[in-house]
Amino acid sequence: MNSEMAVKIEKGIKYSYETERFEFTQLKVKVQGAHQVHPVEFDGGQWKCNCEFFITHQQCSHTIAVEKLLGRTLPGAIPRIS
């Protein structure tokens, strides 16, 4: 590995700890639920999930899990609980 790449890797690792640098605007992820895989999407500040609970409540355990995983990097994300 050349020295330029080592510097870039070090800088990338540093950035990864500075969550204020990031704001996800679009995301697609598959979440393994208790019985099936659910496609969860975040786009333009709006969540989507195909589970029945989400359809009636606009939030579900699958979207909450992704919000908690990504923490403060999502606009309006659920705050971290210590």
PDB file of N, CA and C in Angstrom:
ATOM      1  N   MET A   1       0.853  -1.174   0.000  1.00  0.00           N
ATOM      2  CA  MET A   1       0.000   0.000   0.000  1.00  0.00           C
ATOM      3  C   MET A   1       0.899   1.237   0.000  1.00  0.00           C
ATOM      4  N   ASN A   2       0.552   2.197  -0.848  1.00  0.00           N
ATOM      5  CA  ASN A   2       1.361   3.419  -0.887  1.00  0.00           C
ATOM      6  C   ASN A   2       0.939   4.387   0.226  1.00  0.00           C
ATOM      7  N   SER A   3       1.771   5.370   0.490  1.00  0.00           N
ATOM      8  CA  SER A   3       1.531   6.295   1.607  1.00  0.00           C
ATOM      9  C   SER A   3       0.295   7.162   1.380  1.00  0.00           C
ATOM     10  N   GLU A   4      -0.009   7.493   0.127  1.00  0.00           N
ATOM     11  CA  GLU A   4      -1.218   8.284  -0.149  1.00  0.00           C
ATOM     12  C   GLU A   4      -2.471   7.521   0.267  1.00  0.00           C
ATOM     13  N   MET A   5      -2.511   6.219  -0.031  1.00  0.00           N
ATOM     14  CA  MET A   5      -3.669   5.412   0.338  1.00  0.00           C
ATOM     15  C   MET A   5      -3.773   5.281   1.852  1.00  0.00           C
ATOM     16  N   ALA A   6      -2.653   5.121   2.528  1.00  0.00           N
ATOM     17  CA  ALA A   6      -2.659   5.025   3.991  1.00  0.00           C
ATOM     18  C   ALA A   6      -3.241   6.290   4.611  1.00  0.00           C
ATOM     19  N   VAL A   7      -2.904   7.453   4.055  1.00  0.00           N
ATOM     20  CA  VAL A   7      -3.440   8.725   4.552  1.00  0.00           C
ATOM     21  C   VAL A   7      -4.954   8.773   4.326  1.00  0.00           C
ATOM     22  N   LYS A   8      -5.409   8.332   3.159  1.00  0.00           N
ATOM     23  CA  LYS A   8      -6.847   8.341   2.853  1.00  0.00           C
ATOM     24  C   LYS A   8      -7.614   7.404   3.784  1.00  0.00           C
ATOM     25  N   ILE A   9      -7.053   6.240   4.062  1.00  0.00           N
ATOM     26  CA  ILE A   9      -7.697   5.293   4.975  1.00  0.00           C
ATOM     27  C   ILE A   9      -7.798   5.903   6.370  1.00  0.00           C
ATOM     28  N   GLU A  10      -6.727   6.498   6.840  1.00  0.00           N
ATOM     29  CA  GLU A  10      -6.721   7.123   8.162  1.00  0.00           C
ATOM     30  C   GLU A  10      -7.758   8.249   8.240  1.00  0.00           C
ATOM     31  N   LYS A  11      -7.828   9.053   7.192  1.00  0.00           N
ATOM     32  CA  LYS A  11      -8.787  10.159   7.138  1.00  0.00           C
ATOM     33  C   LYS A  11     -10.226   9.624   7.118  1.00  0.00           C
ATOM     34  N   GLY A  12     -10.461   8.573   6.343  1.00  0.00           N
ATOM     35  CA  GLY A  12     -11.791   7.960   6.289  1.00  0.00           C
ATOM     36  C   GLY A  12     -12.228   7.416   7.639  1.00  0.00           C
ATOM     37  N   ILE A  13     -11.317   6.784   8.348  1.00  0.00           N
ATOM     38  CA  ILE A  13     -11.622   6.261   9.685  1.00  0.00           C
ATOM     39  C   ILE A  13     -11.948   7.418  10.626  1.00  0.00           C
ATOM     40  N   LYS A  14     -11.178   8.494  10.559  1.00  0.00           N
ATOM     41  CA  LYS A  14     -11.438   9.676  11.395  1.00  0.00           C
ATOM     42  C   LYS A  14     -12.834  10.219  11.102  1.00  0.00           C
ATOM     43  N   TYR A  15     -13.168  10.395   9.833  1.00  0.00           N
ATOM     44  CA  TYR A  15     -14.484  10.900   9.454  1.00  0.00           C
ATOM     45  C   TYR A  15     -15.602  10.002   9.977  1.00  0.00           C
ATOM     46  N   SER A  16     -15.392   8.703   9.971  1.00  0.00           N
ATOM     47  CA  SER A  16     -16.456   7.775  10.373  1.00  0.00           C
ATOM     48  C   SER A  16     -16.890   7.973  11.821  1.00  0.00           C
ATOM     49  N   TYR A  17     -16.025   8.543  12.656  1.00  0.00           N
ATOM     50  CA  TYR A  17     -16.367   8.819  14.051  1.00  0.00           C
ATOM     51  C   TYR A  17     -17.017  10.183  14.237  1.00  0.00           C
ATOM     52  N   GLU A  18     -17.028  10.995  13.210  1.00  0.00           N
ATOM     53  CA  GLU A  18     -17.592  12.338  13.264  1.00  0.00           C
ATOM     54  C   GLU A  18     -18.945  12.329  12.560  1.00  0.00           C
ATOM     55  N   THR A  19     -19.953  11.801  13.252  1.00  0.00           N
ATOM     56  CA  THR A  19     -21.251  11.565  12.620  1.00  0.00           C
ATOM     57  C   THR A  19     -21.926  12.833  12.123  1.00  0.00           C
ATOM     58  N   GLU A  20     -21.519  14.002  12.647  1.00  0.00           N
ATOM     59  CA  GLU A  20     -22.118  15.243  12.175  1.00  0.00           C
ATOM     60  C   GLU A  20     -21.771  15.523  10.714  1.00  0.00           C
ATOM     61  N   ARG A  21     -20.803  14.810  10.164  1.00  0.00           N
ATOM     62  CA  ARG A  21     -20.425  14.965   8.759  1.00  0.00           C
ATOM     63  C   ARG A  21     -21.425  14.305   7.802  1.00  0.00           C
ATOM     64  N   PHE A  22     -22.273  13.450   8.328  1.00  0.00           N
ATOM     65  CA  PHE A  22     -23.115  12.612   7.471  1.00  0.00           C
ATOM     66  C   PHE A  22     -24.588  12.927   7.641  1.00  0.00           C
ATOM     67  N   GLU A  23     -25.303  12.864   6.527  1.00  0.00           N
ATOM     68  CA  GLU A  23     -26.758  12.938   6.546  1.00  0.00           C
ATOM     69  C   GLU A  23     -27.263  12.094   5.381  1.00  0.00           C
ATOM     70  N   PHE A  24     -27.840  10.964   5.714  1.00  0.00           N
ATOM     71  CA  PHE A  24     -28.388  10.105   4.673  1.00  0.00           C
ATOM     72  C   PHE A  24     -29.640  10.753   4.108  1.00  0.00           C
ATOM     73  N   THR A  25     -29.723  10.778   2.792  1.00  0.00           N
ATOM     74  CA  THR A  25     -30.905  11.327   2.133  1.00  0.00           C
ATOM     75  C   THR A  25     -31.705  10.246   1.422  1.00  0.00           C
ATOM     76  N   GLN A  26     -31.041   9.128   1.138  1.00  0.00           N
ATOM     77  CA  GLN A  26     -31.709   8.017   0.467  1.00  0.00           C
ATOM     78  C   GLN A  26     -31.014   6.727   0.875  1.00  0.00           C
ATOM     79  N   LEU A  27     -31.832   5.696   1.122  1.00  0.00           N
ATOM     80  CA  LEU A  27     -31.275   4.439   1.597  1.00  0.00           C
ATOM     81  C   LEU A  27     -32.259   3.314   1.310  1.00  0.00           C
ATOM     82  N   LYS A  28     -31.730   2.170   0.914  1.00  0.00           N
ATOM     83  CA  LYS A  28     -32.531   0.952   0.757  1.00  0.00           C
ATOM     84  C   LYS A  28     -31.807  -0.156   1.499  1.00  0.00           C
ATOM     85  N   VAL A  29     -32.538  -0.884   2.325  1.00  0.00           N
ATOM     86  CA  VAL A  29     -31.940  -1.958   3.114  1.00  0.00           C
ATOM     87  C   VAL A  29     -32.971  -3.061   3.326  1.00  0.00           C
ATOM     88  N   LYS A  30     -32.515  -4.281   3.414  1.00  0.00           N
ATOM     89  CA  LYS A  30     -33.390  -5.407   3.738  1.00  0.00           C
ATOM     90  C   LYS A  30     -33.214  -5.719   5.217  1.00  0.00           C
ATOM     91  N   VAL A  31     -34.329  -5.814   5.936  1.00  0.00           N
ATOM     92  CA  VAL A  31     -34.306  -6.105   7.366  1.00  0.00           C
ATOM     93  C   VAL A  31     -34.948  -7.471   7.588  1.00  0.00           C
ATOM     94  N   GLN A  32     -34.215  -8.370   8.219  1.00  0.00           N
ATOM     95  CA  GLN A  32     -34.745  -9.695   8.537  1.00  0.00           C
ATOM     96  C   GLN A  32     -35.643  -9.570   9.757  1.00  0.00           C
ATOM     97  N   GLY A  33     -36.944  -9.700   9.537  1.00  0.00           N
ATOM     98  CA  GLY A  33     -37.900  -9.667  10.633  1.00  0.00           C
ATOM     99  C   GLY A  33     -38.010 -11.037  11.272  1.00  0.00           C
ATOM    100  N   ALA A  34     -38.984 -11.205  12.147  1.00  0.00           N
ATOM    101  CA  ALA A  34     -39.177 -12.477  12.845  1.00  0.00           C
ATOM    102  C   ALA A  34     -39.603 -13.592  11.886  1.00  0.00           C
ATOM    103  N   HIS A  35     -40.314 -13.208  10.819  1.00  0.00           N
ATOM    104  CA  HIS A  35     -40.849 -14.220   9.912  1.00  0.00           C
ATOM    105  C   HIS A  35     -40.446 -14.057   8.456  1.00  0.00           C
ATOM    106  N   GLN A  36     -40.023 -12.858   8.070  1.00  0.00           N
ATOM    107  CA  GLN A  36     -39.645 -12.633   6.681  1.00  0.00           C
ATOM    108  C   GLN A  36     -38.727 -11.423   6.567  1.00  0.00           C
ATOM    109  N   VAL A  37     -38.174 -11.247   5.394  1.00  0.00           N
ATOM    110  CA  VAL A  37     -37.323 -10.094   5.109  1.00  0.00           C
ATOM    111  C   VAL A  37     -38.216  -8.948   4.631  1.00  0.00           C
ATOM    112  N   HIS A  38     -37.968  -7.751   5.185  1.00  0.00           N
ATOM    113  CA  HIS A  38     -38.744  -6.578   4.811  1.00  0.00           C
ATOM    114  C   HIS A  38     -37.839  -5.554   4.133  1.00  0.00           C
ATOM    115  N   PRO A  39     -38.206  -5.116   2.928  1.00  0.00           N
ATOM    116  CA  PRO A  39     -37.446  -4.031   2.303  1.00  0.00           C
ATOM    117  C   PRO A  39     -37.841  -2.710   2.963  1.00  0.00           C
ATOM    118  N   VAL A  40     -36.855  -2.003   3.485  1.00  0.00           N
ATOM    119  CA  VAL A  40     -37.069  -0.717   4.136  1.00  0.00           C
ATOM    120  C   VAL A  40     -36.366   0.338   3.300  1.00  0.00           C
ATOM    121  N   GLU A  41     -37.056   1.435   3.056  1.00  0.00           N
ATOM    122  CA  GLU A  41     -36.481   2.525   2.270  1.00  0.00           C
ATOM    123  C   GLU A  41     -36.624   3.844   3.012  1.00  0.00           C
ATOM    124  N   PHE A  42     -35.640   4.703   2.817  1.00  0.00           N
ATOM    125  CA  PHE A  42     -35.676   6.071   3.316  1.00  0.00           C
ATOM    126  C   PHE A  42     -35.361   6.955   2.125  1.00  0.00           C
ATOM    127  N   ASP A  43     -36.257   7.881   1.817  1.00  0.00           N
ATOM    128  CA  ASP A  43     -36.055   8.749   0.659  1.00  0.00           C
ATOM    129  C   ASP A  43     -36.725  10.090   0.931  1.00  0.00           C
ATOM    130  N   GLY A  44     -35.956  11.138   0.854  1.00  0.00           N
ATOM    131  CA  GLY A  44     -36.504  12.482   1.044  1.00  0.00           C
ATOM    132  C   GLY A  44     -37.168  12.682   2.395  1.00  0.00           C
ATOM    133  N   GLY A  45     -36.632  12.045   3.424  1.00  0.00           N
ATOM    134  CA  GLY A  45     -37.179  12.194   4.769  1.00  0.00           C
ATOM    135  C   GLY A  45     -38.365  11.294   5.075  1.00  0.00           C
ATOM    136  N   GLN A  46     -38.722  10.428   4.145  1.00  0.00           N
ATOM    137  CA  GLN A  46     -39.873   9.544   4.320  1.00  0.00           C
ATOM    138  C   GLN A  46     -39.442   8.083   4.376  1.00  0.00           C
ATOM    139  N   TRP A  47     -40.030   7.339   5.294  1.00  0.00           N
ATOM    140  CA  TRP A  47     -39.770   5.902   5.431  1.00  0.00           C
ATOM    141  C   TRP A  47     -40.804   5.105   4.668  1.00  0.00           C
ATOM    142  N   LYS A  48     -40.407   3.907   4.230  1.00  0.00           N
ATOM    143  CA  LYS A  48     -41.326   2.946   3.615  1.00  0.00           C
ATOM    144  C   LYS A  48     -40.939   1.557   4.094  1.00  0.00           C
ATOM    145  N   CYS A  49     -41.937   0.747   4.393  1.00  0.00           N
ATOM    146  CA  CYS A  49     -41.745  -0.664   4.729  1.00  0.00           C
ATOM    147  C   CYS A  49     -42.992  -1.393   4.258  1.00  0.00           C
ATOM    148  N   ASN A  50     -42.845  -2.654   3.914  1.00  0.00           N
ATOM    149  CA  ASN A  50     -43.984  -3.397   3.386  1.00  0.00           C
ATOM    150  C   ASN A  50     -44.780  -4.141   4.459  1.00  0.00           C
ATOM    151  N   CYS A  51     -44.415  -3.996   5.735  1.00  0.00           N
ATOM    152  CA  CYS A  51     -45.142  -4.739   6.773  1.00  0.00           C
ATOM    153  C   CYS A  51     -46.496  -4.090   7.058  1.00  0.00           C
ATOM    154  N   GLU A  52     -47.420  -4.885   7.571  1.00  0.00           N
ATOM    155  CA  GLU A  52     -48.778  -4.400   7.837  1.00  0.00           C
ATOM    156  C   GLU A  52     -48.812  -3.275   8.869  1.00  0.00           C
ATOM    157  N   PHE A  53     -47.979  -3.366   9.897  1.00  0.00           N
ATOM    158  CA  PHE A  53     -47.974  -2.336  10.939  1.00  0.00           C
ATOM    159  C   PHE A  53     -47.573  -0.986  10.358  1.00  0.00           C
ATOM    160  N   PHE A  54     -46.576  -0.971   9.488  1.00  0.00           N
ATOM    161  CA  PHE A  54     -46.135   0.289   8.890  1.00  0.00           C
ATOM    162  C   PHE A  54     -47.248   0.916   8.062  1.00  0.00           C
ATOM    163  N   ILE A  55     -47.985   0.107   7.360  1.00  0.00           N
ATOM    164  CA  ILE A  55     -49.043   0.618   6.483  1.00  0.00           C
ATOM    165  C   ILE A  55     -50.053   1.452   7.267  1.00  0.00           C
ATOM    166  N   THR A  56     -50.349   1.060   8.506  1.00  0.00           N
ATOM    167  CA  THR A  56     -51.336   1.795   9.295  1.00  0.00           C
ATOM    168  C   THR A  56     -50.731   2.825  10.255  1.00  0.00           C
ATOM    169  N   HIS A  57     -49.421   2.709  10.565  1.00  0.00           N
ATOM    170  CA  HIS A  57     -48.816   3.605  11.555  1.00  0.00           C
ATOM    171  C   HIS A  57     -47.671   4.468  11.017  1.00  0.00           C
ATOM    172  N   GLN A  58     -47.235   4.237   9.791  1.00  0.00           N
ATOM    173  CA  GLN A  58     -46.132   4.981   9.167  1.00  0.00           C
ATOM    174  C   GLN A  58     -44.813   4.871   9.934  1.00  0.00           C
ATOM    175  N   GLN A  59     -44.707   3.837  10.756  1.00  0.00           N
ATOM    176  CA  GLN A  59     -43.485   3.513  11.486  1.00  0.00           C
ATOM    177  C   GLN A  59     -43.633   2.071  11.960  1.00  0.00           C
ATOM    178  N   CYS A  60     -42.533   1.369  12.086  1.00  0.00           N
ATOM    179  CA  CYS A  60     -42.589  -0.025  12.532  1.00  0.00           C
ATOM    180  C   CYS A  60     -41.257  -0.424  13.144  1.00  0.00           C
ATOM    181  N   SER A  61     -41.179  -1.632  13.645  1.00  0.00           N
ATOM    182  CA  SER A  61     -39.934  -2.092  14.271  1.00  0.00           C
ATOM    183  C   SER A  61     -38.790  -2.129  13.267  1.00  0.00           C
ATOM    184  N   HIS A  62     -39.086  -2.349  12.001  1.00  0.00           N
ATOM    185  CA  HIS A  62     -38.049  -2.424  10.967  1.00  0.00           C
ATOM    186  C   HIS A  62     -37.450  -1.045  10.695  1.00  0.00           C
ATOM    187  N   THR A  63     -38.308  -0.017  10.561  1.00  0.00           N
ATOM    188  CA  THR A  63     -37.799   1.333  10.325  1.00  0.00           C
ATOM    189  C   THR A  63     -37.095   1.867  11.574  1.00  0.00           C
ATOM    190  N   ILE A  64     -37.629   1.564  12.744  1.00  0.00           N
ATOM    191  CA  ILE A  64     -37.002   2.007  13.991  1.00  0.00           C
ATOM    192  C   ILE A  64     -35.620   1.374  14.139  1.00  0.00           C
ATOM    193  N   ALA A  65     -35.494   0.105  13.783  1.00  0.00           N
ATOM    194  CA  ALA A  65     -34.196  -0.575  13.883  1.00  0.00           C
ATOM    195  C   ALA A  65     -33.152   0.105  12.990  1.00  0.00           C
ATOM    196  N   VAL A  66     -33.546   0.479  11.782  1.00  0.00           N
ATOM    197  CA  VAL A  66     -32.599   1.147  10.881  1.00  0.00           C
ATOM    198  C   VAL A  66     -32.250   2.532  11.419  1.00  0.00           C
ATOM    199  N   GLU A  67     -33.252   3.263  11.926  1.00  0.00           N
ATOM    200  CA  GLU A  67     -32.984   4.576  12.518  1.00  0.00           C
ATOM    201  C   GLU A  67     -31.990   4.458  13.672  1.00  0.00           C
ATOM    202  N   LYS A  68     -32.175   3.487  14.530  1.00  0.00           N
ATOM    203  CA  LYS A  68     -31.274   3.305  15.666  1.00  0.00           C
ATOM    204  C   LYS A  68     -29.879   2.902  15.194  1.00  0.00           C
ATOM    205  N   LEU A  69     -29.805   2.089  14.172  1.00  0.00           N
ATOM    206  CA  LEU A  69     -28.524   1.661  13.632  1.00  0.00           C
ATOM    207  C   LEU A  69     -27.734   2.852  13.081  1.00  0.00           C
ATOM    208  N   LEU A  70     -28.413   3.737  12.376  1.00  0.00           N
ATOM    209  CA  LEU A  70     -27.748   4.869  11.740  1.00  0.00           C
ATOM    210  C   LEU A  70     -27.633   6.084  12.655  1.00  0.00           C
ATOM    211  N   GLY A  71     -28.389   6.087  13.731  1.00  0.00           N
ATOM    212  CA  GLY A  71     -28.268   7.155  14.729  1.00  0.00           C
ATOM    213  C   GLY A  71     -28.530   8.538  14.191  1.00  0.00           C
ATOM    214  N   ARG A  72     -27.671   9.470  14.555  1.00  0.00           N
ATOM    215  CA  ARG A  72     -27.874  10.889  14.248  1.00  0.00           C
ATOM    216  C   ARG A  72     -27.634  11.235  12.790  1.00  0.00           C
ATOM    217  N   THR A  73     -27.262  10.290  11.955  1.00  0.00           N
ATOM    218  CA  THR A  73     -26.952  10.601  10.569  1.00  0.00           C
ATOM    219  C   THR A  73     -28.198  10.755   9.700  1.00  0.00           C
ATOM    220  N   LEU A  74     -29.370  10.465  10.261  1.00  0.00           N
ATOM    221  CA  LEU A  74     -30.617  10.656   9.529  1.00  0.00           C
ATOM    222  C   LEU A  74     -31.302  11.926  10.017  1.00  0.00           C
ATOM    223  N   PRO A  75     -31.845  12.723   9.105  1.00  0.00           N
ATOM    224  CA  PRO A  75     -32.565  13.910   9.560  1.00  0.00           C
ATOM    225  C   PRO A  75     -33.789  13.500  10.377  1.00  0.00           C
ATOM    226  N   GLY A  76     -33.935  14.053  11.564  1.00  0.00           N
ATOM    227  CA  GLY A  76     -35.082  13.751  12.403  1.00  0.00           C
ATOM    228  C   GLY A  76     -35.060  12.367  13.027  1.00  0.00           C
ATOM    229  N   ALA A  77     -33.896  11.770  13.093  1.00  0.00           N
ATOM    230  CA  ALA A  77     -33.797  10.405  13.626  1.00  0.00           C
ATOM    231  C   ALA A  77     -34.180  10.356  15.092  1.00  0.00           C
ATOM    232  N   ILE A  78     -34.571   9.166  15.514  1.00  0.00           N
ATOM    233  CA  ILE A  78     -34.884   8.927  16.919  1.00  0.00           C
ATOM    234  C   ILE A  78     -33.614   9.163  17.731  1.00  0.00           C
ATOM    235  N   PRO A  79     -33.687   9.962  18.794  1.00  0.00           N
ATOM    236  CA  PRO A  79     -32.483  10.239  19.574  1.00  0.00           C
ATOM    237  C   PRO A  79     -31.939   8.984  20.248  1.00  0.00           C
ATOM    238  N   ARG A  80     -30.633   8.981  20.441  1.00  0.00           N
ATOM    239  CA  ARG A  80     -29.981   7.855  21.119  1.00  0.00           C
ATOM    240  C   ARG A  80     -30.356   7.861  22.594  1.00  0.00           C
ATOM    241  N   ILE A  81     -30.595   6.691  23.132  1.00  0.00           N
ATOM    242  CA  ILE A  81     -30.870   6.523  24.556  1.00  0.00           C
ATOM    243  C   ILE A  81     -29.632   5.924  25.194  1.00  0.00           C
ATOM    244  N   SER A  82     -29.119   6.587  26.210  1.00  0.00           N
ATOM    245  CA  SER A  82     -27.894   6.116  26.879  1.00  0.00           C
ATOM    246  C   SER A  82     -28.167   4.896  27.715  1.00  0.00           C
TER     247      SER A  82
END
